[in-house]
Amino acid sequence: MPTSILDGADGPIAVAAPRRAASPFAAIADLTCPSCGSSHVAQVLGDNGGVSYVCTACGRSWS
């Protein structure tokens, strides 16, 4: 019986690539600011419960 899992390997050990967790921000990942073109966009709650966006680079907000 091998003393380590590496002792029993016949060659390189295949390792699965880590899976990325689903981001709650995946839906807004492709947004860019219409003013400056930055991708640093945050989703915020609007005045009447709607969804708005704000650019954290230049400060412009839109919905």
PDB file of N, CA and C in Angstrom:
ATOM      1  N   MET A   1       0.850  -1.182   0.000  1.00  0.00           N
ATOM      2  CA  MET A   1       0.000   0.000   0.000  1.00  0.00           C
ATOM      3  C   MET A   1       0.892   1.240   0.000  1.00  0.00           C
ATOM      4  N   PRO A   2       0.627   2.213  -0.892  1.00  0.00           N
ATOM      5  CA  PRO A   2       1.463   3.405  -0.938  1.00  0.00           C
ATOM      6  C   PRO A   2       1.286   4.249   0.327  1.00  0.00           C
ATOM      7  N   THR A   3       2.341   4.942   0.710  1.00  0.00           N
ATOM      8  CA  THR A   3       2.274   5.810   1.887  1.00  0.00           C
ATOM      9  C   THR A   3       1.718   7.179   1.549  1.00  0.00           C
ATOM     10  N   SER A   4       1.634   7.491   0.271  1.00  0.00           N
ATOM     11  CA  SER A   4       1.129   8.776  -0.180  1.00  0.00           C
ATOM     12  C   SER A   4       0.320   8.551  -1.444  1.00  0.00           C
ATOM     13  N   ILE A   5      -0.598   9.442  -1.741  1.00  0.00           N
ATOM     14  CA  ILE A   5      -1.350   9.307  -2.984  1.00  0.00           C
ATOM     15  C   ILE A   5      -0.451   9.532  -4.187  1.00  0.00           C
ATOM     16  N   LEU A   6       0.661  10.255  -4.010  1.00  0.00           N
ATOM     17  CA  LEU A   6       1.585  10.487  -5.105  1.00  0.00           C
ATOM     18  C   LEU A   6       2.430   9.250  -5.407  1.00  0.00           C
ATOM     19  N   ASP A   7       2.665   8.394  -4.405  1.00  0.00           N
ATOM     20  CA  ASP A   7       3.438   7.177  -4.631  1.00  0.00           C
ATOM     21  C   ASP A   7       2.698   6.205  -5.541  1.00  0.00           C
ATOM     22  N   GLY A   8       1.392   6.235  -5.531  1.00  0.00           N
ATOM     23  CA  GLY A   8       0.612   5.312  -6.322  1.00  0.00           C
ATOM     24  C   GLY A   8       0.317   5.813  -7.723  1.00  0.00           C
ATOM     25  N   ALA A   9       0.706   7.027  -8.047  1.00  0.00           N
ATOM     26  CA  ALA A   9       0.430   7.583  -9.373  1.00  0.00           C
ATOM     27  C   ALA A   9       1.425   7.052 -10.391  1.00  0.00           C
ATOM     28  N   ASP A  10       0.905   6.693 -11.576  1.00  0.00           N
ATOM     29  CA  ASP A  10       1.767   6.178 -12.642  1.00  0.00           C
ATOM     30  C   ASP A  10       2.318   7.298 -13.523  1.00  0.00           C
ATOM     31  N   GLY A  11       1.778   8.459 -13.431  1.00  0.00           N
ATOM     32  CA  GLY A  11       2.208   9.576 -14.259  1.00  0.00           C
ATOM     33  C   GLY A  11       1.648  10.863 -13.681  1.00  0.00           C
ATOM     34  N   PRO A  12       1.592  11.901 -14.492  1.00  0.00           N
ATOM     35  CA  PRO A  12       1.027  13.166 -14.002  1.00  0.00           C
ATOM     36  C   PRO A  12      -0.416  12.982 -13.547  1.00  0.00           C
ATOM     37  N   ILE A  13      -0.756  13.635 -12.495  1.00  0.00           N
ATOM     38  CA  ILE A  13      -2.110  13.545 -11.949  1.00  0.00           C
ATOM     39  C   ILE A  13      -2.985  14.576 -12.649  1.00  0.00           C
ATOM     40  N   ALA A  14      -4.082  14.117 -13.195  1.00  0.00           N
ATOM     41  CA  ALA A  14      -5.022  15.021 -13.849  1.00  0.00           C
ATOM     42  C   ALA A  14      -5.851  15.728 -12.787  1.00  0.00           C
ATOM     43  N   VAL A  15      -5.910  17.035 -12.895  1.00  0.00           N
ATOM     44  CA  VAL A  15      -6.664  17.834 -11.939  1.00  0.00           C
ATOM     45  C   VAL A  15      -7.719  18.602 -12.715  1.00  0.00           C
ATOM     46  N   ALA A  16      -8.936  18.543 -12.253  1.00  0.00           N
ATOM     47  CA  ALA A  16     -10.021  19.266 -12.908  1.00  0.00           C
ATOM     48  C   ALA A  16      -9.843  20.759 -12.677  1.00  0.00           C
ATOM     49  N   ALA A  17     -10.188  21.544 -13.679  1.00  0.00           N
ATOM     50  CA  ALA A  17     -10.117  22.997 -13.544  1.00  0.00           C
ATOM     51  C   ALA A  17     -11.168  23.447 -12.536  1.00  0.00           C
ATOM     52  N   PRO A  18     -10.831  24.422 -11.701  1.00  0.00           N
ATOM     53  CA  PRO A  18     -11.815  24.894 -10.722  1.00  0.00           C
ATOM     54  C   PRO A  18     -12.999  25.539 -11.429  1.00  0.00           C
ATOM     55  N   ARG A  19     -14.172  25.324 -10.877  1.00  0.00           N
ATOM     56  CA  ARG A  19     -15.381  25.905 -11.449  1.00  0.00           C
ATOM     57  C   ARG A  19     -15.593  27.281 -10.863  1.00  0.00           C
ATOM     58  N   ARG A  20     -16.009  28.204 -11.702  1.00  0.00           N
ATOM     59  CA  ARG A  20     -16.306  29.548 -11.225  1.00  0.00           C
ATOM     60  C   ARG A  20     -17.702  29.563 -10.628  1.00  0.00           C
ATOM     61  N   ALA A  21     -17.827  30.184  -9.503  1.00  0.00           N
ATOM     62  CA  ALA A  21     -19.135  30.315  -8.877  1.00  0.00           C
ATOM     63  C   ALA A  21     -19.973  31.299  -9.694  1.00  0.00           C
ATOM     64  N   ALA A  22     -21.244  31.039  -9.762  1.00  0.00           N
ATOM     65  CA  ALA A  22     -22.137  31.952 -10.464  1.00  0.00           C
ATOM     66  C   ALA A  22     -22.196  33.264  -9.702  1.00  0.00           C
ATOM     67  N   SER A  23     -21.933  34.327 -10.384  1.00  0.00           N
ATOM     68  CA  SER A  23     -21.919  35.638  -9.748  1.00  0.00           C
ATOM     69  C   SER A  23     -23.306  36.258  -9.808  1.00  0.00           C
ATOM     70  N   PRO A  24     -23.732  36.880  -8.723  1.00  0.00           N
ATOM     71  CA  PRO A  24     -25.017  37.585  -8.780  1.00  0.00           C
ATOM     72  C   PRO A  24     -24.939  38.801  -9.697  1.00  0.00           C
ATOM     73  N   PHE A  25     -23.734  39.207 -10.083  1.00  0.00           N
ATOM     74  CA  PHE A  25     -23.553  40.361 -10.946  1.00  0.00           C
ATOM     75  C   PHE A  25     -23.326  39.960 -12.400  1.00  0.00           C
ATOM     76  N   ALA A  26     -23.539  38.688 -12.723  1.00  0.00           N
ATOM     77  CA  ALA A  26     -23.286  38.204 -14.078  1.00  0.00           C
ATOM     78  C   ALA A  26     -24.150  38.941 -15.099  1.00  0.00           C
ATOM     79  N   ALA A  27     -25.352  39.322 -14.724  1.00  0.00           N
ATOM     80  CA  ALA A  27     -26.255  39.988 -15.666  1.00  0.00           C
ATOM     81  C   ALA A  27     -25.764  41.387 -16.020  1.00  0.00           C
ATOM     82  N   ILE A  28     -25.008  42.037 -15.134  1.00  0.00           N
ATOM     83  CA  ILE A  28     -24.537  43.384 -15.430  1.00  0.00           C
ATOM     84  C   ILE A  28     -23.068  43.396 -15.806  1.00  0.00           C
ATOM     85  N   ALA A  29     -22.471  42.223 -15.986  1.00  0.00           N
ATOM     86  CA  ALA A  29     -21.042  42.147 -16.271  1.00  0.00           C
ATOM     87  C   ALA A  29     -20.681  42.789 -17.607  1.00  0.00           C
ATOM     88  N   ASP A  30     -21.597  42.819 -18.562  1.00  0.00           N
ATOM     89  CA  ASP A  30     -21.298  43.351 -19.890  1.00  0.00           C
ATOM     90  C   ASP A  30     -21.672  44.824 -20.043  1.00  0.00           C
ATOM     91  N   LEU A  31     -22.113  45.471 -18.988  1.00  0.00           N
ATOM     92  CA  LEU A  31     -22.507  46.876 -19.086  1.00  0.00           C
ATOM     93  C   LEU A  31     -21.292  47.791 -19.099  1.00  0.00           C
ATOM     94  N   THR A  32     -21.401  48.839 -19.863  1.00  0.00           N
ATOM     95  CA  THR A  32     -20.393  49.885 -19.847  1.00  0.00           C
ATOM     96  C   THR A  32     -21.092  51.228 -19.719  1.00  0.00           C
ATOM     97  N   CYS A  33     -20.400  52.180 -19.166  1.00  0.00           N
ATOM     98  CA  CYS A  33     -20.953  53.508 -18.978  1.00  0.00           C
ATOM     99  C   CYS A  33     -21.139  54.193 -20.326  1.00  0.00           C
ATOM    100  N   PRO A  34     -22.317  54.764 -20.573  1.00  0.00           N
ATOM    101  CA  PRO A  34     -22.531  55.451 -21.854  1.00  0.00           C
ATOM    102  C   PRO A  34     -21.732  56.747 -21.974  1.00  0.00           C
ATOM    103  N   SER A  35     -21.277  57.302 -20.849  1.00  0.00           N
ATOM    104  CA  SER A  35     -20.510  58.547 -20.912  1.00  0.00           C
ATOM    105  C   SER A  35     -19.026  58.327 -21.121  1.00  0.00           C
ATOM    106  N   CYS A  36     -18.425  57.478 -20.267  1.00  0.00           N
ATOM    107  CA  CYS A  36     -16.969  57.325 -20.317  1.00  0.00           C
ATOM    108  C   CYS A  36     -16.510  55.973 -20.846  1.00  0.00           C
ATOM    109  N   GLY A  37     -17.437  55.003 -20.992  1.00  0.00           N
ATOM    110  CA  GLY A  37     -17.081  53.699 -21.524  1.00  0.00           C
ATOM    111  C   GLY A  37     -16.487  52.745 -20.501  1.00  0.00           C
ATOM    112  N   SER A  38     -16.435  53.138 -19.242  1.00  0.00           N
ATOM    113  CA  SER A  38     -15.867  52.294 -18.198  1.00  0.00           C
ATOM    114  C   SER A  38     -16.779  51.101 -17.916  1.00  0.00           C
ATOM    115  N   SER A  39     -16.180  49.982 -17.537  1.00  0.00           N
ATOM    116  CA  SER A  39     -16.968  48.805 -17.168  1.00  0.00           C
ATOM    117  C   SER A  39     -17.208  48.748 -15.664  1.00  0.00           C
ATOM    118  N   HIS A  40     -16.816  49.797 -14.951  1.00  0.00           N
ATOM    119  CA  HIS A  40     -17.029  49.861 -13.500  1.00  0.00           C
ATOM    120  C   HIS A  40     -18.429  50.407 -13.235  1.00  0.00           C
ATOM    121  N   VAL A  41     -19.402  49.522 -13.340  1.00  0.00           N
ATOM    122  CA  VAL A  41     -20.810  49.892 -13.226  1.00  0.00           C
ATOM    123  C   VAL A  41     -21.427  49.133 -12.064  1.00  0.00           C
ATOM    124  N   ALA A  42     -22.176  49.842 -11.229  1.00  0.00           N
ATOM    125  CA  ALA A  42     -22.871  49.223 -10.098  1.00  0.00           C
ATOM    126  C   ALA A  42     -24.375  49.309 -10.344  1.00  0.00           C
ATOM    127  N   GLN A  43     -25.068  48.274  -9.910  1.00  0.00           N
ATOM    128  CA  GLN A  43     -26.519  48.257 -10.019  1.00  0.00           C
ATOM    129  C   GLN A  43     -27.082  48.761  -8.695  1.00  0.00           C
ATOM    130  N   VAL A  44     -27.996  49.717  -8.757  1.00  0.00           N
ATOM    131  CA  VAL A  44     -28.581  50.306  -7.555  1.00  0.00           C
ATOM    132  C   VAL A  44     -30.094  50.300  -7.660  1.00  0.00           C
ATOM    133  N   LEU A  45     -30.749  50.400  -6.523  1.00  0.00           N
ATOM    134  CA  LEU A  45     -32.205  50.439  -6.485  1.00  0.00           C
ATOM    135  C   LEU A  45     -32.668  51.853  -6.786  1.00  0.00           C
ATOM    136  N   GLY A  46     -33.563  51.990  -7.738  1.00  0.00           N
ATOM    137  CA  GLY A  46     -34.067  53.301  -8.132  1.00  0.00           C
ATOM    138  C   GLY A  46     -35.085  53.853  -7.151  1.00  0.00           C
ATOM    139  N   ASP A  47     -35.568  55.064  -7.407  1.00  0.00           N
ATOM    140  CA  ASP A  47     -36.505  55.756  -6.525  1.00  0.00           C
ATOM    141  C   ASP A  47     -37.822  55.002  -6.352  1.00  0.00           C
ATOM    142  N   ASN A  48     -38.364  54.459  -7.422  1.00  0.00           N
ATOM    143  CA  ASN A  48     -39.654  53.778  -7.364  1.00  0.00           C
ATOM    144  C   ASN A  48     -39.503  52.260  -7.358  1.00  0.00           C
ATOM    145  N   GLY A  49     -38.389  51.774  -6.885  1.00  0.00           N
ATOM    146  CA  GLY A  49     -38.173  50.338  -6.819  1.00  0.00           C
ATOM    147  C   GLY A  49     -37.611  49.741  -8.090  1.00  0.00           C
ATOM    148  N   GLY A  50     -37.391  50.561  -9.098  1.00  0.00           N
ATOM    149  CA  GLY A  50     -36.803  50.075 -10.347  1.00  0.00           C
ATOM    150  C   GLY A  50     -35.298  49.907 -10.197  1.00  0.00           C
ATOM    151  N   VAL A  51     -34.676  49.439 -11.245  1.00  0.00           N
ATOM    152  CA  VAL A  51     -33.236  49.222 -11.236  1.00  0.00           C
ATOM    153  C   VAL A  51     -32.557  50.355 -11.985  1.00  0.00           C
ATOM    154  N   SER A  52     -31.528  50.902 -11.391  1.00  0.00           N
ATOM    155  CA  SER A  52     -30.717  51.926 -12.031  1.00  0.00           C
ATOM    156  C   SER A  52     -29.263  51.485 -11.973  1.00  0.00           C
ATOM    157  N   TYR A  53     -28.439  52.164 -12.716  1.00  0.00           N
ATOM    158  CA  TYR A  53     -27.017  51.857 -12.755  1.00  0.00           C
ATOM    159  C   TYR A  53     -26.235  53.129 -12.509  1.00  0.00           C
ATOM    160  N   VAL A  54     -25.067  52.999 -11.918  1.00  0.00           N
ATOM    161  CA  VAL A  54     -24.203  54.148 -11.691  1.00  0.00           C
ATOM    162  C   VAL A  54     -22.774  53.739 -12.038  1.00  0.00           C
ATOM    163  N   CYS A  55     -22.083  54.637 -12.731  1.00  0.00           N
ATOM    164  CA  CYS A  55     -20.689  54.396 -13.089  1.00  0.00           C
ATOM    165  C   CYS A  55     -19.837  54.838 -11.910  1.00  0.00           C
ATOM    166  N   THR A  56     -19.019  53.934 -11.399  1.00  0.00           N
ATOM    167  CA  THR A  56     -18.178  54.288 -10.258  1.00  0.00           C
ATOM    168  C   THR A  56     -16.913  55.018 -10.697  1.00  0.00           C
ATOM    169  N   ALA A  57     -16.706  55.152 -11.996  1.00  0.00           N
ATOM    170  CA  ALA A  57     -15.545  55.884 -12.495  1.00  0.00           C
ATOM    171  C   ALA A  57     -15.856  57.374 -12.665  1.00  0.00           C
ATOM    172  N   CYS A  58     -17.007  57.678 -13.311  1.00  0.00           N
ATOM    173  CA  CYS A  58     -17.325  59.086 -13.575  1.00  0.00           C
ATOM    174  C   CYS A  58     -18.540  59.605 -12.792  1.00  0.00           C
ATOM    175  N   GLY A  59     -19.334  58.714 -12.203  1.00  0.00           N
ATOM    176  CA  GLY A  59     -20.464  59.130 -11.381  1.00  0.00           C
ATOM    177  C   GLY A  59     -21.788  59.258 -12.118  1.00  0.00           C
ATOM    178  N   ARG A  60     -21.823  59.009 -13.421  1.00  0.00           N
ATOM    179  CA  ARG A  60     -23.079  59.122 -14.158  1.00  0.00           C
ATOM    180  C   ARG A  60     -24.029  58.002 -13.746  1.00  0.00           C
ATOM    181  N   SER A  61     -25.305  58.326 -13.625  1.00  0.00           N
ATOM    182  CA  SER A  61     -26.307  57.304 -13.321  1.00  0.00           C
ATOM    183  C   SER A  61     -27.341  57.280 -14.440  1.00  0.00           C
ATOM    184  N   TRP A  62     -27.919  56.116 -14.664  1.00  0.00           N
ATOM    185  CA  TRP A  62     -28.946  55.938 -15.686  1.00  0.00           C
ATOM    186  C   TRP A  62     -29.781  54.716 -15.337  1.00  0.00           C
ATOM    187  N   SER A  63     -30.912  54.579 -16.011  1.00  0.00           N
ATOM    188  CA  SER A  63     -31.771  53.423 -15.780  1.00  0.00           C
ATOM    189  C   SER A  63     -32.172  52.790 -17.090  1.00  0.00           C
TER     190      SER A  63
END
